[in-house]
Amino acid sequence: MTLWAGFVAAFFIVYLMNSWMPIMMTDVGFSLTAAATMGLLLQAGGTVGNLGIGWLMDGFGLHRTVGAAMACAAVLLIVIALVPQQVLVLGALVFVLGMFTNTVGTGFPILSAAFYPTSIRATGTSWATGIARFGAISGAAVGTVLVAMGLNYRQVFVSLLVPAAVCIAALVVKARYASEDALPTAQELARAS
């Protein structure tokens, strides 16, 4: 259950930002080009972050890596809400935020594969990924409500601290009951496939 809760919360954040970042940025006066660039930077950061997630999980443990990435994302949500509205500053921060949020989204399937026994690994991971789509759908839907309420990007980013906290709490609880030593590394999972 904690695996699913963390997965849903992570996808909620990723899909709300993916869906609404350009709109929120044009609402505060950024040009359409600058707003679209923010969305691009979020995805580019995610690509860079995803390149190292397996290596980090092997080196520091599955739960610790994903939890630390979400904690860093939470800090960046606060920083983005506080910094001045300058395209270059926000662009750099959004790029780094994408590195962490998308890495968490990529890390959860690895956690799922490590959690479920080999006999049900594919089914368990598929179920976890399917349940996570509820977070994706609700993230985009809640974004609609927040934007319709007139919240600016600062307020929306601060509100994303709630699902970030849910994700971190789920990871802490799950890690408490799972021995990192008993879980296979990303390399062991790749060899077993």
N, C-alpha and C. Protein backbone atom coordinates (compact mmCIF):
# COMPACT_ATOMS: atom_id res chain seq x y z
N MET A 1 0.82 -1.20 0.00
CA MET A 1 0.00 0.00 0.00
C MET A 1 0.87 1.27 0.00
N THR A 2 1.96 1.24 0.76
CA THR A 2 2.84 2.43 0.78
C THR A 2 3.51 2.63 -0.57
N LEU A 3 3.81 1.53 -1.24
CA LEU A 3 4.41 1.62 -2.57
C LEU A 3 3.45 2.35 -3.51
N TRP A 4 2.20 1.95 -3.50
CA TRP A 4 1.20 2.57 -4.37
C TRP A 4 0.98 4.03 -3.99
N ALA A 5 0.90 4.33 -2.69
CA ALA A 5 0.66 5.72 -2.25
C ALA A 5 1.79 6.63 -2.71
N GLY A 6 3.02 6.18 -2.54
CA GLY A 6 4.15 6.99 -2.98
C GLY A 6 4.19 7.18 -4.48
N PHE A 7 3.87 6.13 -5.21
CA PHE A 7 3.84 6.15 -6.67
C PHE A 7 2.77 7.14 -7.16
N VAL A 8 1.57 7.08 -6.57
CA VAL A 8 0.47 7.98 -6.94
C VAL A 8 0.87 9.42 -6.66
N ALA A 9 1.45 9.69 -5.50
CA ALA A 9 1.86 11.06 -5.15
C ALA A 9 2.93 11.59 -6.10
N ALA A 10 3.88 10.74 -6.46
CA ALA A 10 4.94 11.17 -7.38
C ALA A 10 4.37 11.52 -8.75
N PHE A 11 3.49 10.67 -9.26
CA PHE A 11 2.90 10.93 -10.58
C PHE A 11 1.97 12.14 -10.54
N PHE A 12 1.31 12.37 -9.41
CA PHE A 12 0.47 13.56 -9.24
C PHE A 12 1.29 14.81 -9.51
N ILE A 13 2.45 14.89 -8.88
CA ILE A 13 3.32 16.07 -9.03
C ILE A 13 3.80 16.20 -10.47
N VAL A 14 4.32 15.12 -11.02
CA VAL A 14 4.89 15.17 -12.38
C VAL A 14 3.84 15.60 -13.40
N TYR A 15 2.66 15.01 -13.34
CA TYR A 15 1.66 15.29 -14.35
C TYR A 15 0.98 16.64 -14.16
N LEU A 16 0.86 17.11 -12.92
CA LEU A 16 0.33 18.46 -12.72
C LEU A 16 1.28 19.47 -13.32
N MET A 17 2.57 19.31 -13.06
CA MET A 17 3.54 20.26 -13.62
C MET A 17 3.63 20.15 -15.13
N ASN A 18 3.64 18.93 -15.66
CA ASN A 18 3.71 18.75 -17.11
C ASN A 18 2.51 19.40 -17.80
N SER A 19 1.34 19.25 -17.20
CA SER A 19 0.11 19.75 -17.82
C SER A 19 -0.06 21.26 -17.72
N TRP A 20 0.37 21.84 -16.61
CA TRP A 20 0.00 23.23 -16.32
C TRP A 20 1.15 24.22 -16.27
N MET A 21 2.38 23.78 -16.36
CA MET A 21 3.52 24.71 -16.28
C MET A 21 3.42 25.85 -17.30
N PRO A 22 3.23 25.58 -18.58
CA PRO A 22 3.19 26.70 -19.54
C PRO A 22 2.06 27.69 -19.25
N ILE A 23 0.89 27.19 -18.89
CA ILE A 23 -0.25 28.08 -18.59
C ILE A 23 0.06 28.95 -17.38
N MET A 24 0.61 28.35 -16.33
CA MET A 24 0.93 29.13 -15.12
C MET A 24 1.96 30.20 -15.43
N MET A 25 2.91 29.90 -16.29
CA MET A 25 3.96 30.86 -16.60
C MET A 25 3.45 32.00 -17.49
N THR A 26 2.53 31.72 -18.40
CA THR A 26 1.97 32.81 -19.20
C THR A 26 1.06 33.68 -18.36
N ASP A 27 0.41 33.09 -17.36
CA ASP A 27 -0.48 33.87 -16.49
C ASP A 27 0.26 34.92 -15.67
N VAL A 28 1.54 34.72 -15.42
CA VAL A 28 2.30 35.72 -14.66
C VAL A 28 3.05 36.69 -15.57
N GLY A 29 2.82 36.56 -16.88
CA GLY A 29 3.38 37.55 -17.80
C GLY A 29 4.54 37.08 -18.66
N PHE A 30 4.94 35.83 -18.55
CA PHE A 30 6.00 35.33 -19.42
C PHE A 30 5.45 35.18 -20.83
N SER A 31 6.31 35.35 -21.81
CA SER A 31 5.88 35.16 -23.20
C SER A 31 5.55 33.69 -23.42
N LEU A 32 4.82 33.41 -24.46
CA LEU A 32 4.47 32.03 -24.79
C LEU A 32 5.72 31.20 -25.03
N THR A 33 6.73 31.80 -25.66
CA THR A 33 7.99 31.11 -25.91
C THR A 33 8.69 30.76 -24.59
N ALA A 34 8.75 31.72 -23.68
CA ALA A 34 9.40 31.47 -22.38
C ALA A 34 8.63 30.42 -21.59
N ALA A 35 7.30 30.47 -21.64
CA ALA A 35 6.49 29.50 -20.91
C ALA A 35 6.68 28.10 -21.48
N ALA A 36 6.71 27.99 -22.80
CA ALA A 36 6.94 26.68 -23.43
C ALA A 36 8.34 26.16 -23.11
N THR A 37 9.29 27.08 -23.04
CA THR A 37 10.67 26.70 -22.71
C THR A 37 10.74 26.14 -21.29
N MET A 38 9.94 26.67 -20.37
CA MET A 38 9.90 26.14 -18.99
C MET A 38 9.46 24.68 -19.02
N GLY A 39 8.43 24.37 -19.80
CA GLY A 39 7.98 22.99 -19.92
C GLY A 39 9.05 22.10 -20.51
N LEU A 40 9.76 22.62 -21.50
CA LEU A 40 10.86 21.87 -22.13
C LEU A 40 11.98 21.63 -21.12
N LEU A 41 12.32 22.64 -20.34
CA LEU A 41 13.38 22.49 -19.34
C LEU A 41 13.02 21.47 -18.27
N LEU A 42 11.75 21.42 -17.90
CA LEU A 42 11.30 20.43 -16.93
C LEU A 42 11.57 19.02 -17.46
N GLN A 43 11.24 18.79 -18.74
CA GLN A 43 11.45 17.47 -19.34
C GLN A 43 12.93 17.18 -19.57
N ALA A 44 13.68 18.18 -20.00
CA ALA A 44 15.12 18.00 -20.22
C ALA A 44 15.82 17.64 -18.91
N GLY A 45 15.44 18.31 -17.84
CA GLY A 45 15.99 17.97 -16.52
C GLY A 45 15.67 16.54 -16.14
N GLY A 46 14.44 16.12 -16.44
CA GLY A 46 14.05 14.74 -16.16
C GLY A 46 14.90 13.74 -16.90
N THR A 47 15.21 14.05 -18.14
CA THR A 47 16.05 13.15 -18.94
C THR A 47 17.44 13.02 -18.32
N VAL A 48 18.02 14.14 -17.94
CA VAL A 48 19.34 14.13 -17.31
C VAL A 48 19.30 13.35 -15.99
N GLY A 49 18.28 13.60 -15.18
CA GLY A 49 18.16 12.90 -13.91
C GLY A 49 18.00 11.40 -14.08
N ASN A 50 17.24 11.01 -15.09
CA ASN A 50 16.99 9.58 -15.32
C ASN A 50 18.24 8.83 -15.75
N LEU A 51 19.20 9.53 -16.31
CA LEU A 51 20.43 8.86 -16.73
C LEU A 51 21.21 8.28 -15.55
N GLY A 52 21.09 8.88 -14.37
CA GLY A 52 21.88 8.43 -13.23
C GLY A 52 21.13 7.69 -12.16
N ILE A 53 19.81 7.51 -12.30
CA ILE A 53 19.03 6.94 -11.19
C ILE A 53 19.45 5.51 -10.85
N GLY A 54 19.71 4.68 -11.84
CA GLY A 54 20.10 3.30 -11.55
C GLY A 54 21.41 3.23 -10.80
N TRP A 55 22.37 4.03 -11.25
CA TRP A 55 23.67 4.05 -10.59
C TRP A 55 23.53 4.53 -9.14
N LEU A 56 22.74 5.58 -8.93
CA LEU A 56 22.55 6.10 -7.57
C LEU A 56 21.83 5.09 -6.68
N MET A 57 20.84 4.40 -7.24
CA MET A 57 20.12 3.40 -6.45
C MET A 57 21.03 2.24 -6.07
N ASP A 58 21.92 1.85 -6.97
CA ASP A 58 22.88 0.80 -6.63
C ASP A 58 23.84 1.25 -5.54
N GLY A 59 24.26 2.50 -5.61
CA GLY A 59 25.25 3.00 -4.66
C GLY A 59 24.69 3.36 -3.29
N PHE A 60 23.47 3.90 -3.27
CA PHE A 60 22.94 4.43 -2.00
C PHE A 60 21.69 3.72 -1.50
N GLY A 61 21.17 2.78 -2.24
CA GLY A 61 19.96 2.07 -1.82
C GLY A 61 18.74 2.62 -2.52
N LEU A 62 17.79 1.74 -2.73
CA LEU A 62 16.59 2.11 -3.48
C LEU A 62 15.75 3.16 -2.77
N HIS A 63 15.39 2.89 -1.52
CA HIS A 63 14.51 3.79 -0.79
C HIS A 63 15.18 5.14 -0.52
N ARG A 64 16.43 5.09 -0.10
CA ARG A 64 17.15 6.33 0.20
C ARG A 64 17.26 7.23 -1.02
N THR A 65 17.56 6.65 -2.17
CA THR A 65 17.75 7.46 -3.38
C THR A 65 16.44 8.12 -3.80
N VAL A 66 15.37 7.35 -3.84
CA VAL A 66 14.09 7.91 -4.27
C VAL A 66 13.59 8.92 -3.24
N GLY A 67 13.74 8.61 -1.96
CA GLY A 67 13.32 9.54 -0.91
C GLY A 67 14.12 10.84 -0.93
N ALA A 68 15.43 10.73 -1.12
CA ALA A 68 16.27 11.94 -1.19
C ALA A 68 15.92 12.78 -2.40
N ALA A 69 15.62 12.13 -3.52
CA ALA A 69 15.24 12.88 -4.73
C ALA A 69 13.94 13.65 -4.49
N MET A 70 12.98 13.02 -3.82
CA MET A 70 11.71 13.73 -3.55
C MET A 70 11.93 14.83 -2.53
N ALA A 71 12.79 14.62 -1.56
CA ALA A 71 13.10 15.68 -0.59
C ALA A 71 13.74 16.87 -1.29
N CYS A 72 14.66 16.60 -2.21
CA CYS A 72 15.28 17.68 -2.99
C CYS A 72 14.23 18.40 -3.84
N ALA A 73 13.30 17.64 -4.42
CA ALA A 73 12.23 18.25 -5.20
C ALA A 73 11.38 19.17 -4.32
N ALA A 74 11.10 18.74 -3.10
CA ALA A 74 10.30 19.56 -2.18
C ALA A 74 11.01 20.88 -1.86
N VAL A 75 12.31 20.80 -1.64
CA VAL A 75 13.09 22.02 -1.38
C VAL A 75 13.03 22.95 -2.60
N LEU A 76 13.16 22.37 -3.78
CA LEU A 76 13.10 23.18 -5.00
C LEU A 76 11.73 23.81 -5.21
N LEU A 77 10.67 23.11 -4.82
CA LEU A 77 9.33 23.70 -4.91
C LEU A 77 9.24 24.97 -4.08
N ILE A 78 9.83 24.94 -2.90
CA ILE A 78 9.83 26.12 -2.03
C ILE A 78 10.70 27.22 -2.63
N VAL A 79 11.88 26.86 -3.10
CA VAL A 79 12.80 27.86 -3.67
C VAL A 79 12.15 28.54 -4.87
N ILE A 80 11.53 27.76 -5.75
CA ILE A 80 10.88 28.34 -6.93
C ILE A 80 9.77 29.30 -6.53
N ALA A 81 9.06 28.97 -5.46
CA ALA A 81 7.99 29.86 -4.99
C ALA A 81 8.53 31.16 -4.40
N LEU A 82 9.79 31.18 -3.99
CA LEU A 82 10.36 32.36 -3.32
C LEU A 82 11.21 33.25 -4.21
N VAL A 83 11.81 32.69 -5.27
CA VAL A 83 12.74 33.49 -6.08
C VAL A 83 11.98 34.49 -6.95
N PRO A 84 12.68 35.55 -7.40
CA PRO A 84 12.04 36.53 -8.28
C PRO A 84 11.59 35.90 -9.60
N GLN A 85 10.60 36.52 -10.22
CA GLN A 85 10.06 36.03 -11.49
C GLN A 85 10.98 36.43 -12.64
N GLN A 86 12.08 35.74 -12.77
CA GLN A 86 13.01 35.97 -13.86
C GLN A 86 13.16 34.68 -14.65
N VAL A 87 13.06 34.80 -15.95
CA VAL A 87 13.04 33.61 -16.81
C VAL A 87 14.29 32.75 -16.61
N LEU A 88 15.46 33.35 -16.58
CA LEU A 88 16.69 32.55 -16.46
C LEU A 88 16.77 31.82 -15.12
N VAL A 89 16.44 32.52 -14.06
CA VAL A 89 16.50 31.91 -12.73
C VAL A 89 15.48 30.78 -12.62
N LEU A 90 14.24 31.06 -13.00
CA LEU A 90 13.21 30.04 -12.92
C LEU A 90 13.51 28.87 -13.87
N GLY A 91 14.03 29.18 -15.06
CA GLY A 91 14.37 28.12 -16.01
C GLY A 91 15.39 27.16 -15.43
N ALA A 92 16.43 27.70 -14.81
CA ALA A 92 17.47 26.84 -14.21
C ALA A 92 16.88 25.99 -13.08
N LEU A 93 16.05 26.60 -12.25
CA LEU A 93 15.46 25.87 -11.12
C LEU A 93 14.47 24.81 -11.60
N VAL A 94 13.70 25.14 -12.63
CA VAL A 94 12.74 24.17 -13.18
C VAL A 94 13.48 22.99 -13.80
N PHE A 95 14.61 23.23 -14.45
CA PHE A 95 15.43 22.16 -15.00
C PHE A 95 15.85 21.20 -13.88
N VAL A 96 16.37 21.74 -12.79
CA VAL A 96 16.82 20.90 -11.67
C VAL A 96 15.63 20.21 -11.01
N LEU A 97 14.50 20.91 -10.89
CA LEU A 97 13.29 20.28 -10.34
C LEU A 97 12.89 19.08 -11.18
N GLY A 98 12.94 19.23 -12.50
CA GLY A 98 12.63 18.11 -13.39
C GLY A 98 13.56 16.93 -13.18
N MET A 99 14.83 17.21 -12.89
CA MET A 99 15.78 16.13 -12.61
C MET A 99 15.29 15.28 -11.45
N PHE A 100 14.79 15.93 -10.41
CA PHE A 100 14.38 15.19 -9.21
C PHE A 100 13.00 14.57 -9.34
N THR A 101 12.01 15.32 -9.84
CA THR A 101 10.65 14.77 -9.89
C THR A 101 10.55 13.61 -10.88
N ASN A 102 11.15 13.75 -12.03
CA ASN A 102 11.07 12.67 -13.01
C ASN A 102 11.89 11.46 -12.58
N THR A 103 12.97 11.70 -11.85
CA THR A 103 13.77 10.60 -11.33
C THR A 103 12.96 9.78 -10.33
N VAL A 104 12.17 10.45 -9.52
CA VAL A 104 11.31 9.73 -8.58
C VAL A 104 10.31 8.87 -9.35
N GLY A 105 9.71 9.46 -10.39
CA GLY A 105 8.78 8.69 -11.22
C GLY A 105 9.43 7.48 -11.86
N THR A 106 10.68 7.59 -12.22
CA THR A 106 11.42 6.47 -12.80
C THR A 106 11.86 5.48 -11.72
N GLY A 107 12.12 5.96 -10.53
CA GLY A 107 12.58 5.10 -9.45
C GLY A 107 11.51 4.16 -8.90
N PHE A 108 10.24 4.59 -8.95
CA PHE A 108 9.19 3.74 -8.38
C PHE A 108 8.99 2.41 -9.11
N PRO A 109 9.07 2.35 -10.43
CA PRO A 109 8.99 1.01 -11.05
C PRO A 109 10.15 0.10 -10.61
N ILE A 110 11.31 0.67 -10.38
CA ILE A 110 12.45 -0.12 -9.90
C ILE A 110 12.16 -0.62 -8.48
N LEU A 111 11.60 0.26 -7.63
CA LEU A 111 11.20 -0.16 -6.29
C LEU A 111 10.16 -1.27 -6.37
N SER A 112 9.22 -1.14 -7.30
CA SER A 112 8.18 -2.17 -7.47
C SER A 112 8.79 -3.50 -7.86
N ALA A 113 9.68 -3.47 -8.83
CA ALA A 113 10.31 -4.71 -9.28
C ALA A 113 11.12 -5.36 -8.17
N ALA A 114 11.71 -4.55 -7.32
CA ALA A 114 12.49 -5.10 -6.20
C ALA A 114 11.59 -5.61 -5.08
N PHE A 115 10.40 -5.04 -4.96
CA PHE A 115 9.49 -5.39 -3.87
C PHE A 115 8.77 -6.71 -4.10
N TYR A 116 8.25 -6.88 -5.31
CA TYR A 116 7.43 -8.06 -5.58
C TYR A 116 8.31 -9.29 -5.81
N PRO A 117 7.87 -10.45 -5.32
CA PRO A 117 8.63 -11.69 -5.56
C PRO A 117 8.68 -11.99 -7.06
N THR A 118 9.68 -12.73 -7.46
CA THR A 118 9.89 -13.04 -8.88
C THR A 118 8.65 -13.62 -9.53
N SER A 119 7.93 -14.45 -8.82
CA SER A 119 6.77 -15.13 -9.42
C SER A 119 5.65 -14.16 -9.81
N ILE A 120 5.58 -13.01 -9.17
CA ILE A 120 4.54 -12.03 -9.50
C ILE A 120 5.12 -10.65 -9.83
N ARG A 121 6.40 -10.59 -10.11
CA ARG A 121 7.08 -9.30 -10.33
C ARG A 121 6.44 -8.49 -11.46
N ALA A 122 6.21 -9.11 -12.59
CA ALA A 122 5.64 -8.39 -13.73
C ALA A 122 4.23 -7.90 -13.41
N THR A 123 3.42 -8.77 -12.80
CA THR A 123 2.05 -8.40 -12.45
C THR A 123 2.04 -7.31 -11.39
N GLY A 124 2.85 -7.47 -10.35
CA GLY A 124 2.89 -6.48 -9.28
C GLY A 124 3.35 -5.12 -9.76
N THR A 125 4.38 -5.10 -10.57
CA THR A 125 4.89 -3.84 -11.10
C THR A 125 3.88 -3.21 -12.04
N SER A 126 3.20 -4.03 -12.83
CA SER A 126 2.16 -3.50 -13.72
C SER A 126 1.00 -2.90 -12.93
N TRP A 127 0.60 -3.57 -11.87
CA TRP A 127 -0.46 -3.02 -11.03
C TRP A 127 -0.03 -1.71 -10.39
N ALA A 128 1.17 -1.65 -9.86
CA ALA A 128 1.66 -0.42 -9.23
C ALA A 128 1.71 0.72 -10.24
N THR A 129 2.18 0.43 -11.44
CA THR A 129 2.25 1.45 -12.48
C THR A 129 0.85 1.88 -12.90
N GLY A 130 -0.07 0.93 -12.98
CA GLY A 130 -1.45 1.26 -13.33
C GLY A 130 -2.11 2.12 -12.26
N ILE A 131 -1.93 1.77 -11.00
CA ILE A 131 -2.49 2.56 -9.90
C ILE A 131 -1.89 3.97 -9.90
N ALA A 132 -0.62 4.07 -10.25
CA ALA A 132 0.05 5.39 -10.29
C ALA A 132 -0.62 6.31 -11.29
N ARG A 133 -1.26 5.76 -12.30
CA ARG A 133 -1.95 6.59 -13.30
C ARG A 133 -3.09 7.38 -12.68
N PHE A 134 -3.64 6.91 -11.55
CA PHE A 134 -4.64 7.71 -10.85
C PHE A 134 -4.02 9.02 -10.37
N GLY A 135 -2.77 8.97 -9.97
CA GLY A 135 -2.06 10.19 -9.60
C GLY A 135 -1.86 11.10 -10.80
N ALA A 136 -1.54 10.50 -11.94
CA ALA A 136 -1.34 11.29 -13.16
C ALA A 136 -2.63 11.98 -13.57
N ILE A 137 -3.72 11.24 -13.56
CA ILE A 137 -5.01 11.81 -13.97
C ILE A 137 -5.46 12.87 -12.98
N SER A 138 -5.36 12.57 -11.69
CA SER A 138 -5.80 13.55 -10.69
C SER A 138 -4.89 14.76 -10.64
N GLY A 139 -3.60 14.59 -10.94
CA GLY A 139 -2.69 15.74 -10.98
C GLY A 139 -3.11 16.74 -12.04
N ALA A 140 -3.40 16.24 -13.24
CA ALA A 140 -3.85 17.13 -14.31
C ALA A 140 -5.20 17.75 -13.96
N ALA A 141 -6.11 16.96 -13.35
CA ALA A 141 -7.44 17.47 -13.00
C ALA A 141 -7.37 18.52 -11.88
N VAL A 142 -6.59 18.24 -10.85
CA VAL A 142 -6.46 19.20 -9.75
C VAL A 142 -5.78 20.47 -10.24
N GLY A 143 -4.85 20.33 -11.18
CA GLY A 143 -4.23 21.51 -11.78
C GLY A 143 -5.27 22.42 -12.40
N THR A 144 -6.27 21.83 -13.05
CA THR A 144 -7.37 22.59 -13.64
C THR A 144 -8.08 23.41 -12.57
N VAL A 145 -8.36 22.77 -11.44
CA VAL A 145 -9.07 23.44 -10.34
C VAL A 145 -8.21 24.56 -9.77
N LEU A 146 -6.94 24.30 -9.53
CA LEU A 146 -6.06 25.31 -8.94
C LEU A 146 -5.90 26.52 -9.84
N VAL A 147 -5.74 26.28 -11.14
CA VAL A 147 -5.61 27.39 -12.08
C VAL A 147 -6.93 28.15 -12.19
N ALA A 148 -8.05 27.42 -12.20
CA ALA A 148 -9.37 28.06 -12.27
C ALA A 148 -9.64 28.91 -11.02
N MET A 149 -9.07 28.50 -9.89
CA MET A 149 -9.23 29.28 -8.65
C MET A 149 -8.39 30.56 -8.68
N GLY A 150 -7.51 30.68 -9.67
CA GLY A 150 -6.69 31.87 -9.78
C GLY A 150 -5.36 31.78 -9.05
N LEU A 151 -4.97 30.58 -8.63
CA LEU A 151 -3.68 30.44 -7.96
C LEU A 151 -2.56 30.65 -8.97
N ASN A 152 -1.52 31.36 -8.56
CA ASN A 152 -0.37 31.54 -9.44
C ASN A 152 0.60 30.37 -9.25
N TYR A 153 1.65 30.35 -10.06
CA TYR A 153 2.57 29.22 -9.99
C TYR A 153 3.21 29.07 -8.62
N ARG A 154 3.45 30.17 -7.93
CA ARG A 154 4.05 30.08 -6.58
C ARG A 154 3.14 29.30 -5.64
N GLN A 155 1.87 29.63 -5.65
CA GLN A 155 0.91 28.96 -4.77
C GLN A 155 0.72 27.49 -5.16
N VAL A 156 0.72 27.22 -6.45
CA VAL A 156 0.58 25.84 -6.91
C VAL A 156 1.80 25.03 -6.48
N PHE A 157 2.99 25.60 -6.65
CA PHE A 157 4.20 24.87 -6.27
C PHE A 157 4.24 24.60 -4.77
N VAL A 158 3.80 25.54 -3.97
CA VAL A 158 3.76 25.31 -2.51
C VAL A 158 2.73 24.22 -2.19
N SER A 159 1.61 24.21 -2.90
CA SER A 159 0.60 23.18 -2.64
C SER A 159 1.12 21.78 -3.00
N LEU A 160 2.09 21.70 -3.89
CA LEU A 160 2.67 20.40 -4.26
C LEU A 160 3.52 19.81 -3.14
N LEU A 161 3.75 20.58 -2.09
CA LEU A 161 4.47 20.03 -0.94
C LEU A 161 3.65 18.94 -0.25
N VAL A 162 2.32 18.99 -0.38
CA VAL A 162 1.47 17.97 0.25
C VAL A 162 1.71 16.60 -0.39
N PRO A 163 1.58 16.46 -1.73
CA PRO A 163 1.89 15.13 -2.28
C PRO A 163 3.36 14.74 -2.12
N ALA A 164 4.26 15.72 -2.09
CA ALA A 164 5.68 15.40 -1.85
C ALA A 164 5.85 14.79 -0.47
N ALA A 165 5.16 15.35 0.52
CA ALA A 165 5.23 14.81 1.88
C ALA A 165 4.63 13.41 1.95
N VAL A 166 3.52 13.20 1.23
CA VAL A 166 2.91 11.86 1.19
C VAL A 166 3.89 10.85 0.59
N CYS A 167 4.55 11.24 -0.48
CA CYS A 167 5.52 10.37 -1.14
C CYS A 167 6.68 10.01 -0.21
N ILE A 168 7.23 11.02 0.45
CA ILE A 168 8.35 10.79 1.36
C ILE A 168 7.92 9.91 2.53
N ALA A 169 6.74 10.20 3.10
CA ALA A 169 6.25 9.39 4.23
C ALA A 169 6.04 7.94 3.80
N ALA A 170 5.48 7.73 2.61
CA ALA A 170 5.27 6.36 2.12
C ALA A 170 6.61 5.64 1.96
N LEU A 171 7.61 6.34 1.45
CA LEU A 171 8.93 5.72 1.28
C LEU A 171 9.57 5.39 2.63
N VAL A 172 9.41 6.27 3.60
CA VAL A 172 9.99 6.02 4.93
C VAL A 172 9.34 4.80 5.56
N VAL A 173 8.01 4.73 5.49
CA VAL A 173 7.30 3.59 6.07
C VAL A 173 7.68 2.30 5.35
N LYS A 174 7.70 2.35 4.01
CA LYS A 174 8.05 1.16 3.24
C LYS A 174 9.48 0.71 3.55
N ALA A 175 10.40 1.66 3.62
CA ALA A 175 11.80 1.31 3.89
C ALA A 175 11.96 0.70 5.28
N ARG A 176 11.14 1.14 6.20
CA ARG A 176 11.24 0.63 7.57
C ARG A 176 10.94 -0.87 7.63
N TYR A 177 10.05 -1.30 6.74
CA TYR A 177 9.65 -2.71 6.75
C TYR A 177 10.32 -3.54 5.67
N ALA A 178 11.21 -2.92 4.92
CA ALA A 178 11.94 -3.66 3.88
C ALA A 178 13.42 -3.56 4.14
N SER A 179 14.08 -4.67 4.12
CA SER A 179 15.52 -4.67 4.30
C SER A 179 16.19 -4.37 2.97
N GLU A 180 16.98 -3.31 2.90
CA GLU A 180 17.70 -2.97 1.67
C GLU A 180 18.62 -4.11 1.24
N ASP A 181 19.14 -4.85 2.21
CA ASP A 181 20.05 -5.95 1.87
C ASP A 181 19.31 -7.07 1.15
N ALA A 182 18.03 -7.23 1.45
CA ALA A 182 17.24 -8.31 0.83
C ALA A 182 16.79 -7.94 -0.57
N LEU A 183 16.81 -6.65 -0.90
CA LEU A 183 16.34 -6.22 -2.21
C LEU A 183 17.44 -6.32 -3.25
N PRO A 184 17.11 -6.75 -4.45
CA PRO A 184 18.13 -6.83 -5.50
C PRO A 184 18.52 -5.43 -5.98
N THR A 185 19.73 -5.29 -6.47
CA THR A 185 20.17 -4.02 -7.03
C THR A 185 19.58 -3.87 -8.43
N ALA A 186 19.66 -2.67 -8.99
CA ALA A 186 19.15 -2.43 -10.35
C ALA A 186 19.88 -3.33 -11.34
N GLN A 187 21.18 -3.55 -11.13
CA GLN A 187 21.94 -4.42 -12.03
C GLN A 187 21.45 -5.87 -11.94
N GLU A 188 21.15 -6.35 -10.73
CA GLU A 188 20.65 -7.70 -10.56
C GLU A 188 19.28 -7.86 -11.23
N LEU A 189 18.46 -6.82 -11.13
CA LEU A 189 17.15 -6.86 -11.79
C LEU A 189 17.31 -6.91 -13.30
N ALA A 190 18.26 -6.16 -13.83
CA ALA A 190 18.50 -6.14 -15.28
C ALA A 190 18.98 -7.51 -15.76
N ARG A 191 19.86 -8.14 -14.99
CA ARG A 191 20.37 -9.45 -15.38
C ARG A 191 19.26 -10.50 -15.32
N ALA A 192 18.33 -10.34 -14.38
CA ALA A 192 17.26 -11.33 -14.22
C ALA A 192 16.21 -11.21 -15.33
N SER A 193 16.15 -10.08 -16.00
CA SER A 193 15.12 -9.88 -17.03
C SER A 193 15.39 -10.68 -18.27
